[in-house]
Amino acid sequence: SIVIDSKKSQRKKRKIVYGGIFTILLIASVIYFPRVIKPLAHLNTQVFPVYFSAEEKGNINIYRYAQGSYERMTFQQMDYDPVSMGMNMFFTSIREGKREIYMLDPTGEAIRMTYSASLFESWDSEPTLSGWLYFTSDRSGKAEIYRLNFSTSEVQQLTFSPGDAESWEPEVALAACRREHFFYKSTPLLPAFRLKKGINAPLLFKKQPEIGWQDFSPTNC
């Protein structure tokens, strides 16, 4: 009985200690959690503002929300699809008669990034920290994915959809060792093909848009 009483006493002491620790943590979270979250929320809206498109009086322009206030960033007939990277914001505009991609720098100047020949257009901008601007363009006669080098202005066509199929909406993701992948939507034929790990893999009887991907990273880290 002495052993049993000793075990019960130890369990009771542990409950008291654990209960005390839990109470301390609960009180600390109530006191300090708002103090931590409030400045973080303020920092988030200050350093990482939210860009969005909105219609006003028949025109679509880009706005920015930061620190609890809204600011109009563009003043044209149709500017939309904003994507921010660092201090710059990329967007699609028809300000010169057709869809092209522009960059709004910290001074508020809109710099044209793409120059599609004739009546062809470029849209769906996706900038990356590695120095590339991925986008969709119909400059080959149908929608395909391209990328523009920020330093050299070199443009590369990345997708070559078969037949009447098209590819659009690039989205870049960084994986391990900063490996850069880009994903895109594609409308396949019957039978259709999709780039998968560098191989055209057949996708038979697919009528809905497919998701393809490519890897443009070095093989070693």
Protein backbone atom coordinates (compact mmCIF):
# COMPACT_ATOMS: atom_id res chain seq x y z
CA SER A 1 0.00 0.00 0.00
CA ILE A 2 2.93 2.32 0.64
CA VAL A 3 4.09 1.82 -2.99
CA ILE A 4 0.59 2.51 -4.35
CA ASP A 5 0.24 5.67 -2.26
CA SER A 6 3.65 6.83 -3.47
CA LYS A 7 2.64 6.38 -7.16
CA LYS A 8 -0.63 8.22 -6.58
CA SER A 9 1.28 11.07 -4.93
CA GLN A 10 3.70 11.27 -7.88
CA ARG A 11 0.84 11.34 -10.39
CA LYS A 12 -0.87 14.08 -8.40
CA LYS A 13 2.33 16.16 -8.34
CA ARG A 14 2.78 15.73 -12.10
CA LYS A 15 -0.80 16.89 -12.71
CA ILE A 16 -0.20 19.96 -10.57
CA VAL A 17 3.07 20.78 -12.39
CA TYR A 18 1.57 20.23 -15.86
CA GLY A 19 -1.48 22.26 -14.92
CA GLY A 20 0.71 25.10 -13.74
CA ILE A 21 2.77 25.05 -16.94
CA PHE A 22 -0.38 25.06 -19.08
CA THR A 23 -1.80 28.00 -17.11
CA ILE A 24 1.41 30.00 -17.52
CA LEU A 25 1.50 29.34 -21.27
CA LEU A 26 -2.17 30.31 -21.62
CA ILE A 27 -1.66 33.59 -19.76
CA ALA A 28 1.49 34.36 -21.77
CA SER A 29 -0.30 33.72 -25.08
CA VAL A 30 -3.17 36.04 -24.12
CA ILE A 31 -0.76 38.82 -23.13
CA TYR A 32 1.90 38.57 -25.84
CA PHE A 33 0.07 37.16 -28.90
CA PRO A 34 -1.63 40.48 -29.82
CA ARG A 35 1.67 42.32 -29.33
CA VAL A 36 3.37 40.00 -31.84
CA ILE A 37 0.59 39.73 -34.42
CA LYS A 38 -0.25 43.44 -34.63
CA PRO A 39 3.20 44.63 -35.82
CA LEU A 40 3.48 41.63 -38.15
CA ALA A 41 0.15 42.48 -39.77
CA HIS A 42 1.29 46.08 -40.16
CA LEU A 43 4.57 44.93 -41.69
CA ASN A 44 2.74 42.64 -44.12
CA THR A 45 0.59 45.42 -45.61
CA GLN A 46 3.53 47.82 -45.66
CA VAL A 47 6.13 45.62 -47.36
CA PHE A 48 3.79 43.35 -49.32
CA PRO A 49 0.85 45.42 -50.61
CA VAL A 50 -2.08 43.81 -52.38
CA TYR A 51 -2.63 44.70 -56.05
CA PHE A 52 -5.95 44.12 -57.80
CA SER A 53 -8.01 45.21 -60.81
CA ALA A 54 -11.28 47.11 -60.44
CA GLU A 55 -13.79 48.73 -62.79
CA GLU A 56 -14.75 52.36 -62.41
CA LYS A 57 -16.87 54.34 -64.90
CA GLY A 58 -16.36 51.72 -67.60
CA ASN A 59 -12.57 51.58 -67.25
CA ILE A 60 -10.56 48.79 -65.62
CA ASN A 61 -7.46 49.87 -63.73
CA ILE A 62 -5.10 48.58 -61.07
CA TYR A 63 -5.26 49.54 -57.41
CA ARG A 64 -3.04 48.87 -54.43
CA TYR A 65 -4.12 48.22 -50.85
CA ALA A 66 -1.56 48.90 -48.13
CA GLN A 67 -1.67 50.07 -44.52
CA GLY A 68 -5.46 50.23 -44.54
CA SER A 69 -5.82 52.53 -47.56
CA TYR A 70 -6.38 52.16 -51.31
CA GLU A 71 -4.36 53.83 -54.05
CA ARG A 72 -5.07 53.89 -57.78
CA MET A 73 -1.94 52.88 -59.70
CA THR A 74 -2.95 53.13 -63.39
CA PHE A 75 -5.20 55.51 -65.31
CA GLN A 76 -6.00 53.87 -68.64
CA GLN A 77 -8.94 52.23 -70.40
CA MET A 78 -8.00 48.66 -69.46
CA ASP A 79 -5.13 47.60 -67.20
CA TYR A 80 -5.51 44.27 -65.44
CA ASP A 81 -3.89 41.05 -64.16
CA PRO A 82 -1.33 42.66 -61.80
CA VAL A 83 1.57 40.57 -60.47
CA SER A 84 4.08 42.07 -58.03
CA MET A 85 7.73 41.13 -57.69
CA GLY A 86 9.89 43.10 -55.29
CA MET A 87 9.28 46.81 -55.80
CA ASN A 88 7.89 46.34 -59.33
CA MET A 89 4.42 45.39 -60.54
CA PHE A 90 3.73 43.69 -63.89
CA PHE A 91 0.39 43.86 -65.65
CA THR A 92 -1.40 43.50 -68.99
CA SER A 93 -2.72 46.60 -70.76
CA ILE A 94 -4.34 47.58 -74.07
CA ARG A 95 -3.18 51.21 -73.75
CA GLU A 96 -1.47 51.02 -77.15
CA GLY A 97 -4.30 49.28 -78.98
CA LYS A 98 -3.67 45.62 -78.10
CA ARG A 99 -2.65 43.45 -75.17
CA GLU A 100 0.97 43.86 -74.10
CA ILE A 101 2.80 43.43 -70.79
CA TYR A 102 4.07 46.44 -68.84
CA MET A 103 6.06 46.96 -65.65
CA LEU A 104 5.24 49.70 -63.15
CA ASP A 105 8.45 50.73 -61.36
CA PRO A 106 8.66 52.37 -57.90
CA THR A 107 8.50 55.85 -59.47
CA GLY A 108 5.13 55.08 -61.07
CA GLU A 109 6.48 54.86 -64.63
CA ALA A 110 4.91 52.17 -66.83
CA ILE A 111 7.61 50.45 -68.92
CA ARG A 112 6.54 48.28 -71.85
CA MET A 113 8.09 44.81 -71.62
CA THR A 114 6.73 42.92 -74.65
CA TYR A 115 6.58 43.95 -78.30
CA SER A 116 4.40 41.59 -80.28
CA ALA A 117 4.61 42.14 -84.03
CA SER A 118 1.63 43.17 -86.15
CA LEU A 119 -1.72 42.33 -84.52
CA PHE A 120 -0.29 39.63 -82.24
CA GLU A 121 -0.55 40.10 -78.48
CA SER A 122 1.11 39.12 -75.18
CA TRP A 123 -0.52 38.65 -71.76
CA ASP A 124 -0.47 36.50 -68.56
CA SER A 125 2.75 37.89 -67.06
CA GLU A 126 4.66 35.78 -64.51
CA PRO A 127 7.97 37.38 -63.37
CA THR A 128 10.60 35.43 -61.45
CA LEU A 129 13.49 36.37 -59.17
CA SER A 130 15.84 34.48 -61.48
CA GLY A 131 15.52 37.24 -64.09
CA TRP A 132 12.83 35.90 -66.41
CA LEU A 133 9.36 37.08 -67.37
CA TYR A 134 7.11 34.18 -68.43
CA PHE A 135 4.05 35.07 -70.47
CA THR A 136 1.50 33.92 -73.03
CA SER A 137 1.56 35.18 -76.62
CA ASP A 138 -0.06 34.33 -79.94
CA ARG A 139 2.89 35.65 -81.98
CA SER A 140 3.36 32.20 -83.55
CA GLY A 141 -0.25 32.17 -84.72
CA LYS A 142 -1.76 30.66 -81.54
CA ALA A 143 -1.31 30.90 -77.79
CA GLU A 144 2.03 29.54 -76.56
CA ILE A 145 4.27 30.12 -73.53
CA TYR A 146 7.34 32.37 -73.87
CA ARG A 147 9.87 33.89 -71.52
CA LEU A 148 11.76 37.19 -71.66
CA ASN A 149 15.21 37.70 -70.16
CA PHE A 150 15.26 40.94 -68.12
CA SER A 151 18.95 41.56 -68.79
CA THR A 152 19.21 40.81 -72.52
CA SER A 153 15.55 41.20 -73.67
CA GLU A 154 15.94 37.81 -75.35
CA VAL A 155 12.61 36.04 -75.93
CA GLN A 156 12.35 32.23 -75.99
CA GLN A 157 9.38 30.14 -77.04
CA LEU A 158 8.92 27.35 -74.49
CA THR A 159 5.86 25.39 -75.63
CA PHE A 160 5.08 24.01 -79.08
CA SER A 161 1.53 22.70 -78.86
CA PRO A 162 0.64 20.20 -81.61
CA GLY A 163 -1.98 20.92 -84.24
CA ASP A 164 -4.68 23.32 -83.12
CA ALA A 165 -3.83 22.91 -79.43
CA GLU A 166 -2.70 25.93 -77.40
CA SER A 167 -0.86 26.61 -74.11
CA TRP A 168 -1.42 29.52 -71.74
CA GLU A 169 -1.29 30.87 -68.15
CA PRO A 170 2.29 30.09 -67.06
CA GLU A 171 2.90 29.79 -63.33
CA VAL A 172 6.40 29.42 -61.94
CA ALA A 173 7.31 27.56 -58.75
CA LEU A 174 10.68 27.20 -57.03
CA ALA A 175 11.48 23.72 -55.77
CA ALA A 176 14.47 22.38 -53.83
CA CYS A 177 17.88 23.86 -54.64
CA ARG A 178 16.06 26.80 -56.32
CA ARG A 179 15.02 24.57 -59.20
CA GLU A 180 12.61 26.56 -61.33
CA HIS A 181 9.57 24.84 -62.82
CA PHE A 182 6.80 26.45 -64.80
CA PHE A 183 3.31 25.07 -65.12
CA TYR A 184 0.79 25.93 -67.80
CA LYS A 185 -2.62 25.04 -69.15
CA SER A 186 -2.97 23.36 -72.53
CA THR A 187 -5.86 22.37 -74.77
CA PRO A 188 -5.03 18.94 -76.23
CA LEU A 189 -6.22 17.31 -79.41
CA LEU A 190 -7.54 13.76 -79.76
CA PRO A 191 -5.11 12.14 -79.28
CA ALA A 192 -3.25 14.83 -77.34
CA PHE A 193 0.25 15.22 -76.02
CA ARG A 194 1.66 16.89 -72.95
CA LEU A 195 5.25 17.65 -72.05
CA LYS A 196 6.16 15.54 -69.05
CA LYS A 197 9.76 15.34 -67.90
CA GLY A 198 10.95 16.22 -71.39
CA ILE A 199 8.85 13.51 -73.07
CA ASN A 200 5.69 14.02 -75.10
CA ALA A 201 3.38 11.72 -73.15
CA PRO A 202 0.14 10.85 -75.00
CA LEU A 203 -3.13 11.75 -73.27
CA LEU A 204 -5.89 10.02 -75.19
CA PHE A 205 -9.50 11.26 -75.22
CA LYS A 206 -8.95 14.27 -73.00
CA LYS A 207 -11.36 17.09 -73.81
CA GLN A 208 -10.63 19.34 -70.82
CA PRO A 209 -7.54 21.58 -70.51
CA GLU A 210 -4.51 19.69 -69.24
CA ILE A 211 -1.73 20.88 -66.95
CA GLY A 212 1.79 20.57 -68.33
CA TRP A 213 5.12 21.39 -66.79
CA GLN A 214 8.76 21.92 -67.74
CA ASP A 215 12.00 22.19 -65.79
CA PHE A 216 14.60 24.80 -66.83
CA SER A 217 16.96 24.38 -63.88
CA PRO A 218 20.51 23.06 -63.73
CA THR A 219 20.76 19.32 -63.13
CA ASN A 220 23.00 19.79 -60.09
CA CYS A 221 22.54 22.07 -57.06
